Amino acid sequence: CRTIRSHFGSSAATVATASTAPPPAMGKGTKKVGICGKYGTRYGATLRKLVKKIEMQSKATYLCPFCGRTGVKREAGGIWKCRGCKKVMAGGCWTLATPAAVTVRATIHRLKKLQAEAK
């Protein structure tokens, strides 16, 4: 408590000061919607779920195939940059490696292995 003196007389008032307790904790935010909470109730639940999946993939950090660090972030559509080795690479629009690219890479690796065994 502290005492405050008035300018208009000799009367004094006692005012309670703020307690030293920490401020209340912030709310948990969103429980289900996550990154799509910014859309509120607009656009329908199904579309928001699709957008949530895409946005989470595009904002995630991926493993760099060159340096091995988990630091590859999306720069623009299909352009990815590693924060560790500063390499810029082309990939999918929303993910670093598209399912088709993974299949092609595995097929090429398998064919090279078969070719090496044949020699």
Protein backbone atom coordinates (compact mmCIF):
# COMPACT_ATOMS: atom_id res chain seq x y z
CA CYS A 1 0.00 0.00 0.00
CA ARG A 2 1.05 3.57 -0.53
CA THR A 3 -0.33 6.92 0.51
CA ILE A 4 -1.43 9.52 -2.02
CA ARG A 5 -1.84 13.17 -0.99
CA SER A 6 -4.48 15.26 -2.70
CA HIS A 7 -3.76 18.71 -4.13
CA PHE A 8 -7.02 20.04 -2.70
CA GLY A 9 -6.50 19.52 0.97
CA SER A 10 -4.70 17.67 3.64
CA SER A 11 -6.69 14.48 3.25
CA ALA A 12 -4.66 11.42 2.42
CA ALA A 13 -5.91 8.29 0.73
CA THR A 14 -4.37 4.84 0.91
CA VAL A 15 -4.23 3.00 -2.41
CA ALA A 16 -3.40 -0.64 -2.85
CA THR A 17 -0.58 -1.21 -5.33
CA ALA A 18 -0.43 -4.09 -7.79
CA SER A 19 0.67 -7.37 -6.30
CA THR A 20 3.97 -8.93 -7.26
CA ALA A 21 2.24 -12.05 -8.58
CA PRO A 22 3.14 -12.98 -12.16
CA PRO A 23 0.62 -12.08 -14.86
CA PRO A 24 -1.84 -14.81 -15.81
CA ALA A 25 -0.55 -17.30 -18.37
CA MET A 26 -1.60 -16.79 -21.96
CA GLY A 27 -4.28 -18.98 -23.46
CA LYS A 28 -3.37 -22.14 -25.30
CA GLY A 29 -4.41 -20.66 -28.63
CA THR A 30 -6.00 -23.17 -30.97
CA LYS A 31 -6.55 -26.79 -30.14
CA LYS A 32 -7.44 -28.35 -33.49
CA VAL A 33 -7.06 -25.81 -36.25
CA GLY A 34 -3.45 -24.76 -35.61
CA ILE A 35 -2.00 -22.62 -38.39
CA CYS A 36 -5.45 -22.21 -39.98
CA GLY A 37 -6.88 -20.38 -36.99
CA LYS A 38 -6.33 -17.16 -38.94
CA TYR A 39 -9.19 -18.10 -41.26
CA GLY A 40 -11.74 -18.32 -38.44
CA THR A 41 -15.01 -19.95 -39.47
CA ARG A 42 -14.66 -18.98 -43.12
CA TYR A 43 -14.21 -21.23 -46.19
CA GLY A 44 -15.47 -24.52 -44.68
CA ALA A 45 -13.79 -27.17 -42.56
CA THR A 46 -12.64 -29.41 -45.43
CA LEU A 47 -10.85 -26.63 -47.28
CA ARG A 48 -9.24 -25.38 -44.06
CA LYS A 49 -7.92 -28.91 -43.38
CA LEU A 50 -6.38 -29.08 -46.85
CA VAL A 51 -4.80 -25.64 -46.43
CA LYS A 52 -3.50 -26.63 -42.99
CA LYS A 53 -1.69 -29.64 -44.47
CA ILE A 54 -0.16 -27.58 -47.27
CA GLU A 55 0.86 -24.67 -45.03
CA MET A 56 2.46 -26.95 -42.46
CA GLN A 57 4.50 -28.65 -45.21
CA SER A 58 5.61 -25.36 -46.74
CA LYS A 59 6.59 -23.74 -43.43
CA ALA A 60 8.48 -26.79 -42.12
CA THR A 61 12.28 -27.14 -42.16
CA TYR A 62 13.72 -30.08 -44.08
CA LEU A 63 16.96 -32.08 -43.97
CA CYS A 64 19.60 -30.72 -46.35
CA PRO A 65 20.89 -33.42 -48.76
CA PHE A 66 24.26 -31.63 -49.00
CA CYS A 67 25.27 -30.77 -45.42
CA GLY A 68 22.84 -32.93 -43.39
CA ARG A 69 21.52 -30.06 -41.30
CA THR A 70 17.79 -29.60 -40.73
CA GLY A 71 17.71 -26.09 -42.10
CA VAL A 72 16.15 -26.11 -45.56
CA LYS A 73 13.36 -23.53 -45.76
CA ARG A 74 11.09 -22.48 -48.61
CA GLU A 75 12.13 -19.24 -50.31
CA ALA A 76 9.42 -19.18 -52.99
CA GLY A 77 7.32 -21.68 -54.91
CA GLY A 78 9.69 -24.55 -55.73
CA ILE A 79 12.83 -22.76 -54.46
CA TRP A 80 14.42 -24.03 -51.26
CA LYS A 81 17.49 -22.71 -49.41
CA CYS A 82 19.61 -24.31 -46.70
CA ARG A 83 20.49 -22.02 -43.81
CA GLY A 84 23.58 -24.11 -43.02
CA CYS A 85 25.46 -24.39 -46.30
CA LYS A 86 23.55 -21.61 -48.15
CA LYS A 87 22.79 -23.91 -51.10
CA VAL A 88 19.71 -23.09 -53.15
CA MET A 89 17.87 -26.02 -54.70
CA ALA A 90 14.77 -26.71 -56.73
CA GLY A 91 12.06 -28.89 -55.29
CA GLY A 92 8.33 -29.18 -55.08
CA CYS A 93 6.12 -26.18 -54.58
CA TRP A 94 4.99 -27.12 -51.05
CA THR A 95 7.56 -29.78 -50.05
CA LEU A 96 11.25 -30.16 -50.76
CA ALA A 97 10.82 -33.55 -52.45
CA THR A 98 7.59 -34.47 -54.22
CA PRO A 99 6.41 -38.11 -54.18
CA ALA A 100 7.14 -38.37 -57.91
CA ALA A 101 10.71 -37.10 -57.39
CA VAL A 102 11.28 -39.61 -54.59
CA THR A 103 10.09 -42.44 -56.86
CA VAL A 104 12.35 -41.32 -59.73
CA ARG A 105 15.36 -41.01 -57.42
CA ALA A 106 14.76 -44.51 -56.01
CA THR A 107 14.33 -45.99 -59.50
CA ILE A 108 17.54 -44.37 -60.79
CA HIS A 109 19.44 -45.61 -57.73
CA ARG A 110 18.07 -49.15 -58.22
CA LEU A 111 18.94 -49.18 -61.94
CA LYS A 112 22.48 -47.92 -61.28
CA LYS A 113 22.93 -50.66 -58.70
CA LEU A 114 21.73 -53.33 -61.15
CA GLN A 115 24.03 -51.96 -63.86
CA ALA A 116 27.02 -52.02 -61.49
CA GLU A 117 26.28 -55.66 -60.51
CA ALA A 118 26.00 -56.70 -64.17
CA LYS A 119 29.56 -55.55 -64.91
